[in-house]
Protein backbone atom coordinates (compact mmCIF):
# COMPACT_ATOMS: atom_id res chain seq x y z
CA MET A 1 0.11 0.01 -0.04
CA THR A 2 1.41 3.34 -0.80
CA GLN A 3 2.67 5.62 1.88
CA GLN A 4 0.57 8.62 2.71
CA PHE A 5 1.87 11.70 1.09
CA THR A 6 1.27 15.17 2.72
CA GLN A 7 1.27 18.30 0.88
CA GLN A 8 -0.19 21.75 1.46
CA PHE A 9 -1.06 23.79 -1.55
CA GLU A 10 -2.67 27.05 -2.15
CA SER A 11 -6.20 26.66 -3.48
CA ASP A 12 -7.51 28.91 -6.20
CA SER A 13 -10.35 30.95 -4.38
CA ASN A 14 -12.55 31.47 -7.60
CA ASN A 15 -12.48 27.75 -8.35
CA ASP A 16 -15.83 27.23 -6.53
CA VAL A 17 -16.88 24.71 -9.19
CA SER A 18 -13.83 22.59 -8.79
CA LYS A 19 -14.48 19.33 -6.90
CA ALA A 20 -12.44 16.23 -6.63
CA THR A 21 -13.64 12.84 -5.69
CA GLY A 22 -12.13 9.40 -5.68
CA VAL A 23 -12.16 6.10 -4.12
CA LEU A 24 -9.55 4.86 -1.62
CA ALA A 25 -7.83 1.46 -1.97
CA ASP A 26 -9.33 0.62 1.34
CA ARG A 27 -12.30 2.88 0.98
CA SER A 28 -11.21 4.89 4.01
CA GLU A 29 -7.52 6.17 3.78
CA VAL A 30 -7.14 9.64 2.13
CA LEU A 31 -4.11 10.03 0.06
CA LEU A 32 -3.54 13.70 0.71
CA ASP A 33 -4.19 14.96 4.29
CA ARG A 34 -3.98 18.64 4.12
CA SER A 35 -5.01 21.23 6.85
CA TYR A 36 -6.63 24.63 6.27
CA ASP A 37 -7.52 27.59 8.17
CA ILE A 38 -11.45 26.95 8.46
CA PRO A 39 -13.50 29.99 9.33
CA ASP A 40 -15.80 30.06 12.12
CA ALA A 41 -19.25 28.37 11.71
CA ASP A 42 -20.98 31.61 11.49
CA GLN A 43 -18.72 32.58 8.57
CA GLY A 44 -19.73 29.53 6.68
CA GLY A 45 -17.07 27.19 8.01
CA GLU A 46 -18.95 23.97 7.67
CA GLU A 47 -19.78 24.81 4.08
CA TRP A 48 -16.05 25.65 3.42
CA ALA A 49 -14.85 22.42 5.17
CA GLU A 50 -17.25 20.32 3.08
CA ARG A 51 -16.14 21.89 -0.16
CA GLU A 52 -12.50 21.45 0.59
CA SER A 53 -13.02 17.88 1.61
CA ARG A 54 -14.60 17.12 -1.74
CA ASN A 55 -11.97 19.08 -3.52
CA ALA A 56 -9.10 16.60 -2.73
CA LEU A 57 -7.70 14.36 -5.34
CA LYS A 58 -8.20 10.80 -4.01
CA HIS A 59 -7.31 7.14 -4.98
CA VAL A 60 -9.41 5.19 -7.61
CA THR A 61 -9.83 1.59 -6.31
CA GLY A 62 -7.50 -1.19 -7.80
CA LEU A 63 -5.20 1.16 -9.64
CA GLY A 64 -1.38 1.48 -8.77
CA GLU A 65 -0.99 -0.48 -5.57
CA LEU A 66 2.79 -0.91 -5.30
CA GLU A 67 4.17 -4.41 -5.05
CA ASP A 68 7.28 -5.64 -3.12
CA ILE A 69 9.93 -6.11 -5.81
CA THR A 70 12.91 -6.53 -3.44
CA GLU A 71 13.12 -10.20 -4.52
CA VAL A 72 12.87 -9.43 -8.20
CA GLU A 73 15.97 -9.43 -10.29
CA TYR A 74 17.02 -5.87 -11.45
CA ARG A 75 16.09 -5.29 -15.09
CA LYS A 76 17.75 -2.81 -17.15
CA VAL A 77 14.71 -1.96 -19.17
CA ARG A 78 11.75 -1.22 -16.90
CA LEU A 79 8.11 -0.49 -18.03
CA GLU A 80 7.17 3.05 -18.41
CA ARG A 81 5.42 4.17 -15.11
CA VAL A 82 2.29 6.14 -15.50
CA VAL A 83 -0.13 8.12 -13.32
CA LEU A 84 -3.70 8.42 -14.60
CA VAL A 85 -5.99 11.37 -13.96
CA GLY A 86 -9.63 12.21 -15.11
CA VAL A 87 -12.15 14.91 -14.71
CA TRP A 88 -15.87 14.23 -14.45
CA SER A 89 -19.06 16.21 -13.76
CA SER A 90 -22.66 15.37 -12.83
CA ALA A 91 -23.59 16.54 -16.27
CA THR A 92 -21.52 13.96 -17.96
CA GLY A 93 -22.12 10.89 -15.80
CA THR A 94 -21.84 9.39 -12.26
CA GLN A 95 -18.90 8.81 -10.30
CA SER A 96 -18.87 5.05 -10.79
CA GLN A 97 -18.84 5.51 -14.52
CA ALA A 98 -15.99 7.85 -14.24
CA GLU A 99 -14.07 5.25 -12.21
CA GLU A 100 -14.94 2.54 -14.70
CA SER A 101 -13.73 4.73 -17.58
CA LEU A 102 -10.36 5.30 -15.60
CA ARG A 103 -10.05 1.59 -15.02
CA GLU A 104 -10.54 0.99 -18.74
CA LEU A 105 -7.87 3.53 -19.38
CA ALA A 106 -5.62 1.61 -17.03
CA ALA A 107 -6.17 -1.46 -19.00
CA LEU A 108 -5.37 0.45 -22.22
CA ALA A 109 -2.16 1.63 -20.62
CA GLU A 110 -0.98 -1.78 -19.56
CA THR A 111 -1.88 -3.09 -23.07
CA ALA A 112 0.45 -0.36 -24.46
CA GLY A 113 3.18 -1.64 -22.26
CA ALA A 114 2.97 0.79 -19.17
CA GLU A 115 3.03 0.12 -15.48
CA VAL A 116 0.09 2.06 -13.75
CA CYS A 117 1.21 3.55 -10.35
CA GLU A 118 -1.84 5.65 -9.48
CA GLY A 119 -5.18 6.78 -10.66
CA MET A 120 -6.90 10.00 -9.64
CA LEU A 121 -10.32 11.56 -10.41
CA GLN A 122 -11.44 15.19 -9.97
CA HIS A 123 -15.06 16.41 -9.88
CA ARG A 124 -15.59 19.79 -11.39
CA LEU A 125 -18.10 21.55 -13.59
CA LYS A 126 -15.78 21.44 -16.73
CA PRO A 127 -12.12 20.81 -17.44
CA ASP A 128 -9.82 23.80 -16.81
CA PRO A 129 -8.94 25.49 -20.17
CA ALA A 130 -5.33 25.97 -19.25
CA THR A 131 -4.08 22.78 -17.43
CA TYR A 132 -7.16 20.60 -17.58
CA ILE A 133 -7.33 20.07 -13.70
CA GLY A 134 -6.49 23.58 -12.43
CA SER A 135 -3.02 25.12 -11.46
CA GLY A 136 -3.38 24.04 -7.76
CA LYS A 137 -4.28 20.41 -8.66
CA ALA A 138 -1.55 20.39 -11.30
CA LYS A 139 1.09 21.15 -8.65
CA GLU A 140 -0.45 18.53 -6.44
CA LEU A 141 -0.29 16.06 -9.30
CA ALA A 142 3.39 16.83 -9.82
CA GLY A 143 4.01 15.79 -6.14
CA ILE A 144 2.15 12.46 -6.86
CA VAL A 145 4.24 11.99 -9.87
CA ALA A 146 7.48 12.61 -7.94
CA GLN A 147 6.47 10.31 -5.25
CA HIS A 148 5.88 7.37 -7.60
CA GLU A 149 8.86 8.26 -9.74
CA ALA A 150 6.49 8.16 -12.77
CA ASP A 151 7.58 9.01 -16.30
CA THR A 152 4.20 9.93 -17.88
CA ILE A 153 0.76 11.30 -17.06
CA ILE A 154 -2.17 9.84 -19.04
CA VAL A 155 -5.29 11.86 -19.03
CA ASP A 156 -8.69 10.19 -19.58
CA ASP A 157 -9.79 12.69 -22.19
CA ASP A 158 -8.69 14.49 -25.29
CA LEU A 159 -6.34 17.28 -24.47
CA ALA A 160 -5.94 20.42 -26.42
CA PRO A 161 -2.09 21.05 -27.25
CA SER A 162 -2.14 24.10 -24.97
CA GLN A 163 -3.32 21.94 -22.16
CA ARG A 164 -0.86 19.24 -22.68
CA ARG A 165 2.11 21.77 -22.78
CA ALA A 166 0.84 23.58 -19.66
CA LEU A 167 0.44 20.39 -17.72
CA GLU A 168 3.95 19.29 -18.81
CA ASP A 169 5.55 22.46 -17.74
CA VAL A 170 4.07 22.01 -14.30
CA ALA A 171 4.56 18.16 -13.77
CA LYS A 172 8.02 18.17 -15.68
CA VAL A 173 7.00 14.71 -17.21
CA LYS A 174 5.43 13.78 -20.36
CA VAL A 175 1.71 14.07 -20.74
CA VAL A 176 -0.37 12.09 -23.12
CA ASP A 177 -3.99 11.69 -23.67
CA ARG A 178 -6.53 8.83 -24.08
CA THR A 179 -6.31 9.05 -27.99
CA ALA A 180 -2.53 8.86 -27.94
CA VAL A 181 -2.69 5.57 -25.93
CA ILE A 182 -5.15 3.94 -28.22
CA LEU A 183 -3.05 4.99 -31.39
CA ASP A 184 -0.02 3.49 -29.66
CA ILE A 185 -1.78 0.16 -29.17
CA PHE A 186 -2.94 0.06 -32.76
CA ALA A 187 0.60 0.77 -33.90
CA GLN A 188 1.89 -2.23 -31.94
CA HIS A 189 -0.84 -4.63 -33.19
CA ALA A 190 -1.12 -3.71 -36.84
CA THR A 191 0.46 -6.36 -39.03
CA SER A 192 -0.97 -6.20 -42.52
CA ARG A 193 0.36 -3.61 -44.91
CA GLU A 194 -3.08 -1.88 -45.08
CA GLY A 195 -3.45 -1.95 -41.31
CA LYS A 196 -0.13 -0.31 -40.85
CA ALA A 197 -0.87 2.41 -43.32
CA GLN A 198 -4.22 3.13 -41.61
CA VAL A 199 -2.52 3.43 -38.28
CA GLU A 200 0.08 5.68 -39.51
CA LEU A 201 -2.45 7.99 -41.29
CA ALA A 202 -4.34 8.22 -37.87
CA GLN A 203 -1.23 9.01 -36.02
CA LEU A 204 -0.14 11.77 -38.33
CA GLN A 205 -3.52 13.22 -38.41
CA TYR A 206 -3.41 13.27 -34.58
CA MET A 207 0.13 14.73 -34.57
CA LEU A 208 -0.40 17.52 -36.98
CA PRO A 209 -1.96 20.21 -34.79
CA ARG A 210 0.19 19.08 -31.91
CA LEU A 211 3.65 19.87 -33.25
CA ARG A 212 5.67 21.82 -30.92
CA GLY A 213 8.08 24.43 -32.46
CA TRP A 214 11.17 25.98 -30.91
CA GLY A 215 10.34 29.57 -31.91
CA ALA A 216 13.02 31.90 -33.36
CA ALA A 217 15.86 29.43 -32.87
CA LEU A 218 14.75 27.32 -35.89
CA SER A 219 13.39 30.14 -37.94
CA ARG A 220 14.76 30.47 -41.46
CA GLN A 221 12.84 33.63 -42.45
CA ALA A 222 15.83 35.93 -42.15
CA GLY A 223 16.32 38.44 -44.98
CA GLY A 224 16.80 42.21 -45.58
CA GLN A 225 16.93 44.18 -42.31
CA ALA A 226 16.14 41.10 -40.43
CA ALA A 227 19.45 39.42 -41.51
CA GLY A 228 21.30 42.10 -39.53
CA ALA A 229 23.99 44.53 -40.66
CA ASP A 230 26.19 41.76 -42.23
CA GLY A 231 23.22 40.11 -43.87
CA GLY A 232 21.91 40.67 -47.43
CA ILE A 233 22.40 38.57 -50.48
CA GLY A 234 22.68 34.89 -49.57
CA SER A 235 21.25 35.31 -46.07
CA ARG A 236 17.58 34.87 -47.01
CA GLY A 237 15.91 31.71 -45.86
CA PRO A 238 13.29 29.72 -47.72
CA GLY A 239 10.62 31.47 -45.98
CA GLU A 240 9.50 28.74 -43.58
CA THR A 241 10.06 28.13 -39.86
CA GLN A 242 11.05 24.57 -38.81
CA ILE A 243 7.61 23.85 -37.50
CA GLU A 244 5.98 24.95 -40.79
CA LEU A 245 8.46 22.73 -42.70
CA ASP A 246 7.35 19.79 -40.33
CA ARG A 247 3.84 20.45 -41.05
CA ARG A 248 4.34 20.41 -44.66
CA VAL A 249 6.23 17.17 -44.57
CA ILE A 250 3.43 15.52 -42.41
CA ARG A 251 0.69 16.82 -44.87
CA THR A 252 2.70 15.39 -47.68
CA ARG A 253 2.89 12.08 -46.08
CA ILE A 254 -0.80 12.12 -45.21
CA ALA A 255 -1.66 12.65 -48.83
CA ARG A 256 0.66 9.79 -49.87
CA LEU A 257 -0.92 7.38 -47.33
CA ARG A 258 -4.37 8.28 -48.55
CA ARG A 259 -3.45 7.44 -52.11
CA GLN A 260 -1.92 4.20 -50.99
CA ILE A 261 -5.05 3.29 -49.09
CA ALA A 262 -7.14 4.16 -52.03
CA ARG A 263 -5.05 1.86 -54.22
CA MET A 264 -5.77 -1.09 -51.77
CA ALA A 265 -9.43 -0.63 -52.09
CA PRO A 266 -9.70 -2.47 -55.52
CA ALA A 267 -8.19 -5.74 -53.86
CA ARG A 268 -10.92 -5.49 -51.20
CA GLU A 269 -13.57 -4.94 -53.82
CA VAL A 270 -12.27 -7.90 -55.67
CA LYS A 271 -12.72 -10.22 -52.42
CA ARG A 272 -16.20 -8.73 -51.73
CA GLY A 273 -17.10 -8.98 -55.44
CA SER A 274 -16.27 -12.87 -55.40
CA ARG A 275 -18.47 -13.30 -52.36
CA ARG A 276 -21.29 -11.31 -53.95
CA ARG A 277 -20.86 -13.21 -57.26
CA TYR A 278 -21.54 -16.51 -55.55
CA GLY A 279 -24.29 -15.14 -53.40
CA LEU A 280 -22.20 -15.86 -50.26
CA PRO A 281 -24.05 -14.60 -47.20
CA THR A 282 -21.80 -12.60 -44.67
CA VAL A 283 -22.05 -12.24 -40.95
CA ALA A 284 -20.22 -9.44 -39.45
CA VAL A 285 -19.02 -9.94 -35.79
CA VAL A 286 -18.71 -6.66 -34.09
CA GLY A 287 -18.36 -5.57 -30.43
CA TYR A 288 -16.34 -3.89 -27.75
CA THR A 289 -12.63 -4.54 -27.63
CA ASN A 290 -11.76 -7.72 -25.73
CA ALA A 291 -15.40 -8.98 -25.71
CA GLY A 292 -14.30 -12.20 -27.18
CA LYS A 293 -15.13 -11.76 -30.76
CA SER A 294 -12.28 -13.80 -32.19
CA SER A 295 -12.83 -16.70 -29.82
CA LEU A 296 -16.49 -16.73 -30.68
CA THR A 297 -15.78 -16.58 -34.35
CA ASN A 298 -13.34 -19.68 -33.77
CA ARG A 299 -16.00 -21.56 -31.87
CA LEU A 300 -18.50 -21.00 -34.64
CA THR A 301 -16.40 -21.83 -37.48
CA GLY A 302 -13.81 -24.19 -36.11
CA SER A 303 -10.83 -21.91 -37.29
CA SER A 304 -8.01 -20.89 -35.16
CA GLU A 305 -7.75 -17.17 -35.49
CA LEU A 306 -5.49 -15.20 -33.09
CA VAL A 307 -7.11 -15.14 -29.56
CA GLU A 308 -5.57 -12.94 -26.86
CA ASN A 309 -6.74 -11.51 -23.60
CA ALA A 310 -5.78 -7.94 -24.57
CA LEU A 311 -7.35 -4.90 -25.87
CA PHE A 312 -7.27 -4.51 -29.79
CA ALA A 313 -5.76 -7.93 -30.39
CA THR A 314 -7.58 -8.03 -33.73
CA LEU A 315 -6.92 -5.08 -36.12
CA ASP A 316 -6.95 -6.66 -39.59
CA THR A 317 -10.32 -8.08 -40.74
CA ALA A 318 -10.37 -11.76 -40.91
CA VAL A 319 -13.03 -13.73 -42.97
CA ARG A 320 -13.83 -17.40 -41.95
CA SER A 321 -16.07 -19.62 -43.92
CA ALA A 322 -18.82 -21.95 -42.30
CA ARG A 323 -21.42 -24.37 -43.54
CA THR A 324 -25.03 -24.72 -42.45
CA LYS A 325 -26.57 -28.05 -41.69
CA ASP A 326 -27.79 -28.52 -45.25
CA GLY A 327 -24.40 -27.71 -46.56
CA ARG A 328 -24.79 -24.04 -47.55
CA VAL A 329 -21.68 -21.92 -47.39
CA TYR A 330 -21.52 -18.57 -45.56
CA ALA A 331 -18.77 -16.33 -44.09
CA TYR A 332 -17.98 -14.76 -40.77
CA VAL A 333 -16.09 -11.42 -40.75
CA ASP A 334 -14.31 -10.69 -37.55
CA THR A 335 -13.85 -7.01 -37.37
CA VAL A 336 -11.77 -4.65 -35.25
CA GLY A 337 -13.14 -3.97 -31.67
CA PHE A 338 -14.67 -0.56 -30.77
CA VAL A 339 -14.05 1.40 -27.51
CA ARG A 340 -15.74 4.31 -25.88
CA ARG A 341 -14.57 7.66 -27.26
CA LEU A 342 -12.85 5.90 -30.16
CA PRO A 343 -10.55 8.58 -31.80
CA THR A 344 -12.06 10.26 -34.91
CA GLN A 345 -8.78 9.69 -36.62
CA LEU A 346 -9.21 5.97 -36.20
CA VAL A 347 -12.68 5.91 -37.45
CA GLU A 348 -11.66 7.84 -40.54
CA ALA A 349 -8.55 5.74 -41.10
CA PHE A 350 -10.29 2.39 -40.62
CA LYS A 351 -13.35 3.36 -42.61
CA SER A 352 -12.28 0.64 -45.25
CA THR A 353 -12.50 -1.92 -42.60
CA LEU A 354 -15.77 -0.79 -41.25
CA GLU A 355 -17.23 -1.06 -44.75
CA GLU A 356 -17.33 -4.73 -44.30
CA VAL A 357 -19.99 -4.16 -41.65
CA ALA A 358 -22.11 -2.19 -44.06
CA GLN A 359 -21.74 -4.94 -46.79
CA SER A 360 -22.80 -7.77 -44.44
CA ASP A 361 -26.22 -9.51 -44.33
CA LEU A 362 -26.22 -9.95 -40.53
CA ILE A 363 -24.53 -8.34 -37.49
CA VAL A 364 -23.63 -10.33 -34.50
CA HIS A 365 -22.94 -7.84 -31.62
CA VAL A 366 -20.75 -9.58 -28.99
CA VAL A 367 -20.84 -8.11 -25.53
CA ASP A 368 -18.68 -9.07 -22.60
CA ALA A 369 -21.13 -10.19 -19.90
CA SER A 370 -18.45 -10.24 -17.22
CA TYR A 371 -17.77 -6.63 -17.73
CA GLY A 372 -18.90 -4.18 -14.97
CA ASP A 373 -21.16 -2.07 -17.16
CA PRO A 374 -22.03 -4.13 -20.29
CA LEU A 375 -24.68 -1.66 -21.26
CA ALA A 376 -22.23 1.12 -21.72
CA GLN A 377 -20.41 -1.12 -24.03
CA ILE A 378 -23.65 -1.82 -26.04
CA ASP A 379 -24.12 2.06 -26.28
CA ALA A 380 -20.44 2.57 -27.46
CA VAL A 381 -20.74 0.18 -30.25
CA ASN A 382 -24.05 1.43 -31.32
CA GLU A 383 -22.66 4.92 -31.57
CA VAL A 384 -19.92 3.75 -34.02
CA LEU A 385 -22.34 1.62 -36.02
CA ALA A 386 -24.66 4.70 -36.37
CA ASP A 387 -21.86 6.51 -38.16
CA ILE A 388 -21.65 3.63 -40.80
CA ALA A 389 -23.93 4.18 -43.88
CA GLY A 390 -26.35 1.41 -44.34
CA ALA A 391 -25.53 -0.43 -41.03
CA GLN A 392 -28.79 0.53 -39.37
CA ASP A 393 -30.94 -1.53 -41.62
CA ILE A 394 -29.03 -4.74 -41.14
CA PRO A 395 -30.46 -7.41 -38.76
CA ARG A 396 -28.67 -7.77 -35.59
CA ILE A 397 -28.18 -10.38 -32.85
CA ILE A 398 -27.00 -9.44 -29.41
CA VAL A 399 -24.62 -12.00 -27.89
CA PHE A 400 -23.37 -12.01 -24.15
CA ASN A 401 -20.22 -13.84 -24.13
CA LYS A 402 -18.12 -15.17 -21.32
CA ALA A 403 -21.05 -16.61 -19.54
CA ASP A 404 -18.69 -18.94 -17.51
CA HIS A 405 -17.50 -15.74 -15.67
CA ILE A 406 -20.83 -14.42 -14.49
CA ASP A 407 -23.10 -15.39 -11.49
CA GLU A 408 -26.77 -16.31 -11.81
CA ALA A 409 -28.04 -12.98 -10.71
CA THR A 410 -26.08 -11.22 -13.52
CA ARG A 411 -27.45 -13.90 -16.01
CA ARG A 412 -31.07 -13.15 -14.92
CA ARG A 413 -30.61 -9.38 -15.10
CA LEU A 414 -29.14 -9.60 -18.62
CA SER A 415 -31.84 -12.06 -19.65
CA SER A 416 -34.55 -9.51 -18.43
CA LEU A 417 -33.01 -6.44 -20.22
CA TYR A 418 -32.41 -8.34 -23.44
CA PRO A 419 -34.88 -11.35 -23.65
CA GLN A 420 -33.90 -12.03 -27.31
CA ALA A 421 -30.22 -11.94 -26.67
CA HIS A 422 -28.09 -15.16 -26.47
CA ILE A 423 -25.79 -15.87 -23.33
CA VAL A 424 -22.90 -17.89 -24.52
CA SER A 425 -19.42 -18.95 -23.53
CA SER A 426 -16.98 -19.27 -26.29
CA LEU A 427 -14.58 -21.05 -23.89
CA SER A 428 -17.04 -23.83 -22.73
CA GLY A 429 -19.35 -23.88 -25.87
CA GLU A 430 -22.45 -22.99 -23.78
CA GLY A 431 -25.27 -21.68 -25.85
CA VAL A 432 -23.20 -21.68 -29.15
CA ASP A 433 -25.39 -24.32 -30.94
CA ALA A 434 -28.55 -22.22 -30.26
CA LEU A 435 -26.76 -19.07 -31.58
CA ARG A 436 -25.57 -20.96 -34.66
CA GLU A 437 -29.19 -22.07 -35.34
CA GLU A 438 -30.59 -18.60 -35.25
CA ILE A 439 -27.75 -17.13 -37.34
CA GLU A 440 -28.31 -19.68 -40.04
CA ALA A 441 -32.16 -19.07 -39.77
CA LEU A 442 -31.64 -15.43 -40.32
CA LEU A 443 -29.31 -15.76 -43.51
CA PRO A 444 -30.85 -14.30 -46.55
CA VAL A 445 -32.48 -16.83 -48.86
CA PRO A 446 -31.85 -16.52 -52.66
CA ASP A 447 -34.77 -15.00 -54.52
CA VAL A 448 -34.96 -17.09 -57.65
CA ARG A 449 -37.01 -20.32 -57.50
CA VAL A 450 -36.00 -23.06 -60.15
CA GLU A 451 -37.19 -26.51 -61.05
CA ALA A 452 -35.08 -28.46 -63.46
CA VAL A 453 -33.57 -31.75 -64.39
CA LEU A 454 -29.77 -31.70 -64.34
CA PRO A 455 -27.84 -34.46 -66.05
CA TYR A 456 -25.46 -36.49 -63.92
CA ALA A 457 -22.47 -34.85 -65.86
CA GLN A 458 -23.46 -31.70 -64.14
CA GLY A 459 -22.54 -32.79 -60.66
CA SER A 460 -20.49 -29.74 -60.14
CA LEU A 461 -23.49 -27.47 -60.79
CA LEU A 462 -25.65 -29.47 -58.28
CA SER A 463 -22.79 -29.01 -55.71
CA ARG A 464 -22.76 -25.24 -56.30
CA VAL A 465 -26.57 -25.26 -55.76
CA ARG A 466 -26.01 -26.95 -52.35
CA GLU A 467 -23.25 -24.62 -51.35
CA TYR A 468 -24.61 -21.18 -52.57
CA GLY A 469 -28.39 -21.85 -52.73
CA ARG A 470 -31.14 -23.78 -50.80
CA LEU A 471 -31.93 -27.23 -52.20
CA ASP A 472 -35.50 -27.82 -51.26
CA ALA A 473 -35.91 -31.19 -53.09
CA ALA A 474 -33.77 -33.57 -55.20
CA GLU A 475 -35.14 -36.64 -57.02
CA TYR A 476 -32.68 -39.04 -58.63
CA ARG A 477 -34.15 -40.21 -62.00
CA ASN A 478 -32.61 -42.28 -64.86
CA ASP A 479 -32.09 -39.37 -66.97
CA GLY A 480 -30.64 -37.00 -64.29
CA VAL A 481 -31.46 -35.30 -61.00
CA ARG A 482 -34.72 -33.31 -60.64
CA ILE A 483 -34.16 -30.35 -58.37
CA GLU A 484 -36.34 -27.68 -56.66
CA ALA A 485 -34.16 -24.96 -55.33
CA ARG A 486 -33.82 -21.28 -54.57
CA VAL A 487 -30.66 -19.62 -56.05
CA ASP A 488 -29.42 -16.37 -57.21
CA SER A 489 -30.01 -14.99 -60.78
CA ARG A 490 -26.49 -15.94 -62.04
CA LEU A 491 -26.71 -19.59 -60.65
CA ALA A 492 -30.35 -19.79 -62.04
CA SER A 493 -29.16 -18.94 -65.62
CA GLN A 494 -26.48 -21.61 -65.54
CA ILE A 495 -29.17 -24.14 -64.23
CA VAL A 496 -31.52 -23.30 -67.22
CA GLU A 497 -28.61 -23.69 -69.76
CA ALA A 498 -27.51 -27.12 -68.31
CA SER A 499 -31.09 -28.39 -67.76
CA ILE A 500 -32.51 -31.46 -69.92
CA ASP A 501 -36.01 -29.93 -70.04
């Protein structure tokens, strides 16, 4: 358990709206025990004391408890040590929701390779426009960073460039926001050429407005009188400061990446075109990150796609085939996971990946049933799906995964809230068969009905009818096989040409 850290700081008198709340590791021990000169009761002393009590940065449960590492072998390369900080108000949610968001940020930081030392929350009407948490709280946070010997502060929000610089100047360590952490995770997990290009595009779009220049020291705009008495011909620079040059280089790289991603579009369209050409139904598996989409896809298809208990383990779209009981072929598309407040740069960069959702015939929405607030995950995914054109009209099935990690009370609550949803376990296989039956029942049926007699030499055509259509009846006669089936228009024309009748 961390040692108590005592610090007295000067509170801003006009920061009446600033309040800080948190939860102690043991629900009782306050991290910062400060003493103030409290006015007499007739001067509003009780109100002042209550306000100052709530205005203290406090622990969030389960983040940053230090471990005894005296027995651990010294390592040259240590994990980056981080302190998390967030701001919440009654207008944006409850304290428990803010704590859950900070815990999710801790999981993101650990996935990115950091060691979380501490997590703090502040309750205020809105973030401070200068330092996000206010000047007094920034000094207090600097003391917490020094106590834990942290290297980085991660803010559970999107910071303006000026806020990040001001907080860095006070804390004397690197400051990053939630978006930067997510982009870093994507950069680590991207494997395909297209995925790497998409992540780099998102990173550059994020970096462009946050470049930090070095003022006149790197300026190359000298010329004329500005060049000094000894200046003149030959002393005039190209007319750009260093930061302007950097911005131009980044804009050029962004334009090149967009062209590269656009050139990759035909390859994706060819793959989609082949599925459409054969009338192959597609099921898009979407959901929150680490909800178990890949493991559920493996269970449904019998494949061995990468499964890892980590956030954003899947970034590249994976397509896996499956068969219905009567032999019809269809495909599952495992997509990238979503997260609350998904950076707009990533939504834009991964638009090509999200197109797979819009082109699908059925959406399977996977939710982590063991998560503390699964309904918040559902809302976050629905917000992203709402931005995908055409996704609103596609049928959906909600699946609560990880049933082996929940108790009976949670199971009953989820069943009452979503009576049509499936509660499954991709690990044990519980409920997967019932889910598969509903998926197959909701697959679109080809719209052309044919009755024909196919010669036995056209066995391959009959096989395609079984795979890409619905064979309602088959009668084996002396002259051939009489079939009644529903197929698409392309396959129907081939049947008519090969038919004996």
